[in-house]
N, C-alpha and C. Protein backbone atom coordinates (compact mmCIF):
# COMPACT_ATOMS: atom_id res chain seq x y z
N MET A 1 103.40 133.47 121.76
CA MET A 1 103.23 132.80 120.50
C MET A 1 103.79 133.64 119.38
N ASP A 2 104.29 132.88 118.32
CA ASP A 2 104.78 133.54 117.23
C ASP A 2 103.68 133.99 116.30
N GLN A 3 104.09 134.99 115.31
CA GLN A 3 103.08 135.53 114.35
C GLN A 3 102.15 134.53 113.68
N LYS A 4 102.87 133.31 113.20
CA LYS A 4 102.18 132.38 112.58
C LYS A 4 101.01 131.67 113.38
N LYS A 5 101.47 131.48 114.74
CA LYS A 5 100.48 130.73 115.57
C LYS A 5 99.38 131.90 115.92
N MET A 6 99.70 133.13 116.08
CA MET A 6 98.71 134.17 116.43
C MET A 6 97.61 134.25 115.39
N ASN A 7 97.93 133.76 114.01
CA ASN A 7 97.00 133.74 113.09
C ASN A 7 96.09 132.50 113.05
N GLY A 8 96.47 131.66 113.89
CA GLY A 8 95.65 130.43 114.13
C GLY A 8 96.27 129.19 113.25
N ASP A 9 97.42 129.59 112.56
CA ASP A 9 98.08 128.48 111.77
C ASP A 9 98.84 127.53 112.65
N ASN A 10 98.62 126.13 112.26
CA ASN A 10 99.52 125.17 112.88
C ASN A 10 99.24 125.25 114.36
N LEU A 11 98.16 125.39 114.99
CA LEU A 11 97.88 125.39 116.35
C LEU A 11 97.32 124.05 116.77
N SER A 12 97.77 123.60 118.00
CA SER A 12 97.14 122.35 118.55
C SER A 12 95.81 122.73 118.95
N GLU A 13 94.81 121.84 119.24
CA GLU A 13 93.54 122.12 119.73
C GLU A 13 93.60 122.97 121.03
N ASP A 14 94.48 122.52 121.82
CA ASP A 14 94.71 123.25 123.21
C ASP A 14 95.16 124.67 122.91
N GLU A 15 96.09 124.86 122.00
CA GLU A 15 96.54 126.22 121.69
C GLU A 15 95.41 127.07 121.07
N GLN A 16 94.60 126.40 120.35
CA GLN A 16 93.49 127.17 119.70
C GLN A 16 92.43 127.69 120.77
N GLN A 17 92.22 126.87 121.72
CA GLN A 17 91.28 127.16 122.84
C GLN A 17 91.96 128.22 123.69
N GLN A 18 93.24 128.14 123.93
CA GLN A 18 93.92 129.14 124.74
C GLN A 18 93.87 130.61 124.05
N LEU A 19 94.02 130.37 122.70
CA LEU A 19 93.99 131.77 121.90
C LEU A 19 92.61 132.38 121.84
N LEU A 20 91.45 131.59 121.73
CA LEU A 20 90.04 131.94 121.79
C LEU A 20 89.86 132.50 123.18
N PHE A 21 90.29 131.91 124.31
CA PHE A 21 90.09 132.39 125.68
C PHE A 21 90.72 133.79 125.82
N MET A 22 91.99 134.04 125.25
CA MET A 22 92.75 135.26 125.32
C MET A 22 91.89 136.38 124.54
N MET A 23 91.38 135.88 123.37
CA MET A 23 90.55 136.86 122.58
C MET A 23 89.35 137.31 123.29
N LEU A 24 88.63 136.32 123.99
CA LEU A 24 87.50 136.59 124.66
C LEU A 24 87.78 137.75 125.81
N VAL A 25 88.93 137.51 126.43
CA VAL A 25 89.35 138.55 127.50
C VAL A 25 89.60 139.81 126.94
N GLN A 26 90.32 139.79 125.81
CA GLN A 26 90.66 141.04 125.24
C GLN A 26 89.32 141.75 124.70
N GLN A 27 88.29 141.13 124.22
CA GLN A 27 87.18 141.76 123.81
C GLN A 27 86.48 142.49 124.96
N HIS A 28 86.52 141.81 126.00
CA HIS A 28 85.73 142.43 127.32
C HIS A 28 86.56 143.56 127.86
N GLN A 29 88.07 143.35 127.76
CA GLN A 29 88.82 144.36 128.07
C GLN A 29 88.64 145.71 127.19
N GLN A 30 88.47 145.55 125.90
CA GLN A 30 88.26 146.60 125.05
C GLN A 30 86.86 147.23 125.26
N ILE A 31 85.92 146.51 125.54
CA ILE A 31 84.64 147.11 125.96
C ILE A 31 84.69 147.91 127.23
N ALA A 32 85.44 147.43 128.23
CA ALA A 32 85.65 148.19 129.36
C ALA A 32 86.48 149.44 129.16
N GLN A 33 87.35 149.35 128.43
CA GLN A 33 88.22 150.51 128.00
C GLN A 33 87.59 151.45 127.39
N MET A 34 86.52 151.12 126.31
CA MET A 34 85.70 152.11 125.73
C MET A 34 84.81 152.82 126.75
N GLY A 35 84.26 152.03 127.69
CA GLY A 35 83.41 152.55 128.72
C GLY A 35 84.12 153.54 129.64
N LEU A 36 85.52 153.33 129.89
CA LEU A 36 86.29 154.13 130.64
C LEU A 36 86.81 155.40 129.88
N GLY A 37 86.50 155.45 128.67
CA GLY A 37 86.90 156.59 127.92
C GLY A 37 88.40 156.46 127.44
N GLN A 38 88.92 155.22 127.48
CA GLN A 38 90.33 155.16 127.18
C GLN A 38 90.47 154.76 125.59
N LEU A 39 89.49 154.09 125.02
CA LEU A 39 89.44 153.80 123.49
C LEU A 39 88.22 154.50 122.79
N GLU A 40 88.50 154.80 121.57
CA GLU A 40 87.23 155.24 120.81
C GLU A 40 86.28 154.14 120.49
N ASN A 41 85.01 154.61 120.52
CA ASN A 41 83.98 153.78 120.05
C ASN A 41 84.07 153.54 118.60
N PRO A 42 84.25 152.34 117.98
CA PRO A 42 84.44 152.24 116.61
C PRO A 42 83.23 152.64 115.80
N GLN A 43 82.10 152.61 116.41
CA GLN A 43 80.86 153.18 115.68
C GLN A 43 80.81 154.66 115.46
N THR A 44 81.22 155.35 116.53
CA THR A 44 81.16 156.83 116.51
C THR A 44 82.49 157.51 116.22
N GLY A 45 83.69 156.78 116.56
CA GLY A 45 84.98 157.25 116.29
C GLY A 45 85.31 158.26 117.45
N GLU A 46 84.54 158.31 118.53
CA GLU A 46 84.71 159.23 119.61
C GLU A 46 85.06 158.40 120.98
N LYS A 47 85.78 159.01 121.76
CA LYS A 47 85.81 158.46 123.19
C LYS A 47 84.67 158.80 124.03
N GLU A 48 83.99 157.89 124.63
CA GLU A 48 82.80 158.02 125.28
C GLU A 48 82.93 157.34 126.65
N ARG A 49 82.63 158.11 127.63
CA ARG A 49 82.72 157.48 128.89
C ARG A 49 81.45 157.00 129.51
N GLU A 50 81.28 155.61 129.56
CA GLU A 50 80.11 155.06 130.10
C GLU A 50 80.46 154.01 131.10
N LEU A 51 80.41 154.51 132.31
CA LEU A 51 80.99 153.57 133.56
C LEU A 51 80.16 152.24 133.68
N LYS A 52 78.79 152.42 133.28
CA LYS A 52 77.91 151.14 133.56
C LYS A 52 78.47 150.13 132.47
N SER A 53 78.84 150.53 131.36
CA SER A 53 79.30 149.38 130.34
C SER A 53 80.55 148.90 130.65
N ALA A 54 81.43 149.77 131.27
CA ALA A 54 82.73 149.36 131.73
C ALA A 54 82.61 148.29 132.87
N LYS A 55 81.72 148.73 133.88
CA LYS A 55 81.61 147.81 134.92
C LYS A 55 81.04 146.35 134.61
N PHE A 56 80.03 146.46 133.59
CA PHE A 56 79.45 145.16 133.12
C PHE A 56 80.56 144.29 132.57
N ALA A 57 81.54 144.94 131.82
CA ALA A 57 82.53 144.13 131.09
C ALA A 57 83.45 143.57 132.15
N ILE A 58 83.87 144.36 133.11
CA ILE A 58 84.64 143.86 134.30
C ILE A 58 83.94 142.91 134.91
N ASP A 59 82.78 142.96 135.34
CA ASP A 59 81.92 142.00 136.12
C ASP A 59 81.90 140.77 135.28
N THR A 60 81.73 140.75 134.01
CA THR A 60 81.72 139.65 133.15
C THR A 60 83.12 138.78 133.23
N LEU A 61 84.22 139.67 133.34
CA LEU A 61 85.54 139.01 133.51
C LEU A 61 85.69 138.32 134.81
N VAL A 62 85.24 138.89 135.81
CA VAL A 62 85.23 138.53 137.01
C VAL A 62 84.42 137.16 137.23
N MET A 63 83.26 137.00 136.68
CA MET A 63 82.42 135.88 136.58
C MET A 63 83.28 134.66 135.96
N LEU A 64 83.89 135.17 134.79
CA LEU A 64 84.80 134.06 134.02
C LEU A 64 85.86 133.56 134.88
N GLN A 65 86.50 134.51 135.54
CA GLN A 65 87.56 134.16 136.53
C GLN A 65 86.99 133.10 137.63
N ASP A 66 86.02 133.58 138.17
CA ASP A 66 85.33 132.60 139.21
C ASP A 66 84.95 131.27 138.65
N TYR A 67 84.42 131.14 137.45
CA TYR A 67 83.97 129.86 136.83
C TYR A 67 85.23 129.01 136.41
N THR A 68 86.24 129.82 136.12
CA THR A 68 87.34 129.02 135.63
C THR A 68 88.50 128.68 136.64
N GLU A 69 88.22 129.11 137.82
CA GLU A 69 89.16 129.14 138.96
C GLU A 69 89.77 127.64 139.05
N GLY A 70 91.00 127.48 139.06
CA GLY A 70 91.68 126.24 139.09
C GLY A 70 91.67 125.27 137.91
N ASN A 71 91.15 125.97 136.81
CA ASN A 71 91.05 125.18 135.57
C ASN A 71 91.86 125.77 134.49
N LEU A 72 92.56 126.78 134.66
CA LEU A 72 93.33 127.59 133.52
C LEU A 72 94.78 127.28 133.71
N PRO A 73 95.46 127.15 132.69
CA PRO A 73 96.93 127.22 132.85
C PRO A 73 97.50 128.37 133.29
N ASP A 74 98.57 128.39 134.10
CA ASP A 74 98.94 129.58 134.74
C ASP A 74 99.11 130.75 133.98
N LYS A 75 99.49 130.68 132.64
CA LYS A 75 99.73 131.83 131.60
C LYS A 75 98.33 132.39 131.46
N LEU A 76 97.31 131.71 131.25
CA LEU A 76 95.82 132.32 131.08
C LEU A 76 95.38 132.91 132.27
N ASP A 77 95.64 132.25 133.41
CA ASP A 77 95.19 132.72 134.61
C ASP A 77 95.75 133.96 135.04
N ASN A 78 97.12 134.16 134.90
CA ASN A 78 97.85 135.29 135.09
C ASN A 78 97.43 136.47 134.14
N TYR A 79 97.26 136.14 132.92
CA TYR A 79 96.57 137.22 132.03
C TYR A 79 95.33 137.71 132.36
N LEU A 80 94.47 136.86 132.78
CA LEU A 80 93.12 137.31 133.14
C LEU A 80 93.22 138.18 134.36
N THR A 81 94.06 137.74 135.41
CA THR A 81 94.13 138.35 136.62
C THR A 81 94.86 139.82 136.41
N GLU A 82 95.74 139.88 135.58
CA GLU A 82 96.42 141.19 135.30
C GLU A 82 95.54 142.05 134.61
N THR A 83 94.84 141.46 133.63
CA THR A 83 93.81 142.39 132.83
C THR A 83 92.83 142.95 133.89
N LEU A 84 92.23 142.10 134.83
CA LEU A 84 91.23 142.54 135.80
C LEU A 84 91.79 143.62 136.80
N ASN A 85 92.96 143.41 137.18
CA ASN A 85 93.67 144.25 138.14
C ASN A 85 93.80 145.68 137.44
N ASN A 86 94.37 145.73 136.17
CA ASN A 86 94.44 147.02 135.52
C ASN A 86 93.09 147.70 135.10
N LEU A 87 92.19 146.95 134.84
CA LEU A 87 90.76 147.55 134.62
C LEU A 87 90.19 148.05 135.92
N ARG A 88 90.37 147.24 137.00
CA ARG A 88 89.72 147.65 138.25
C ARG A 88 90.42 149.05 138.74
N VAL A 89 91.72 149.12 138.74
CA VAL A 89 92.38 150.33 138.94
C VAL A 89 91.84 151.61 138.03
N SER A 90 91.89 151.29 136.80
CA SER A 90 91.33 152.42 135.94
C SER A 90 89.77 152.77 136.27
N TYR A 91 88.99 151.72 136.44
CA TYR A 91 87.53 152.00 136.76
C TYR A 91 87.45 152.80 138.06
N ALA A 92 88.28 152.30 139.15
CA ALA A 92 88.35 153.08 140.45
C ALA A 92 88.58 154.59 140.25
N ASP A 93 89.65 154.88 139.37
CA ASP A 93 90.10 156.16 139.10
C ASP A 93 88.96 157.03 138.46
N GLU A 94 88.32 156.35 137.39
CA GLU A 94 87.31 157.00 136.84
C GLU A 94 86.07 157.37 137.75
N LYS A 95 85.73 156.32 138.43
CA LYS A 95 84.69 156.42 139.42
C LYS A 95 84.96 157.61 140.36
N GLY A 96 86.15 157.69 140.88
CA GLY A 96 86.57 158.79 141.79
C GLY A 96 86.53 160.02 141.13
N LYS A 97 86.69 160.12 139.88
CA LYS A 97 86.60 161.58 139.08
C LYS A 97 85.31 161.85 139.09
N GLU A 98 84.40 160.85 138.77
CA GLU A 98 82.82 160.98 138.60
C GLU A 98 82.36 161.56 140.02
N GLU A 99 82.77 160.92 141.09
CA GLU A 99 82.19 161.31 142.47
C GLU A 99 82.84 162.63 142.73
N GLY A 100 84.06 163.00 142.43
CA GLY A 100 84.66 164.25 142.60
C GLY A 100 83.85 165.36 141.93
N ASP A 101 83.62 165.08 140.76
CA ASP A 101 82.83 166.15 139.92
C ASP A 101 81.40 166.30 140.54
N SER A 102 80.76 165.19 140.90
CA SER A 102 79.54 165.41 141.46
C SER A 102 79.49 166.17 142.79
N GLY A 103 80.69 165.97 143.61
CA GLY A 103 80.68 166.70 144.87
C GLY A 103 81.10 168.16 144.60
N GLU A 104 81.77 168.51 143.67
CA GLU A 104 82.03 169.91 143.33
C GLU A 104 80.85 170.75 142.84
N SER A 105 79.86 170.18 142.29
CA SER A 105 78.72 170.83 141.66
C SER A 105 77.68 171.13 142.76
N GLU A 106 77.74 170.59 143.94
CA GLU A 106 76.75 170.75 145.02
C GLU A 106 76.97 172.06 145.71
C-alpha cells in the first residue's frame, strides 16, 4: 500500500479492514517482541524479558489464525503465517537460553 493508503485515506471498506487486521497482528507481534526482550517496553524504556507475555501474544495470534483459516486473502494469510513463524523461532531461541541458564546453575 502507498503512504496515502497507509494513513487510511481513500481506502475501500475491504482495504480498511485489511489494514486493521495487519495492525492487530503487528500489535501482538510487538507485545511478543517486548516479552522476548527484542523491543523496549514503552512504559519503562527498557528491554525486559517476560516469556509468559510473549507466549500469550503468540498464542493469541495462533488463535486468530485458527479462527480465520480459509477466510483471509492470501496476502494477509501469508503475513500472519510469516509473523508467527518468526515469533516462534525467536521464542524457541529464548526458551532454549532460559533452559540452558537453569541447567548451568544446578
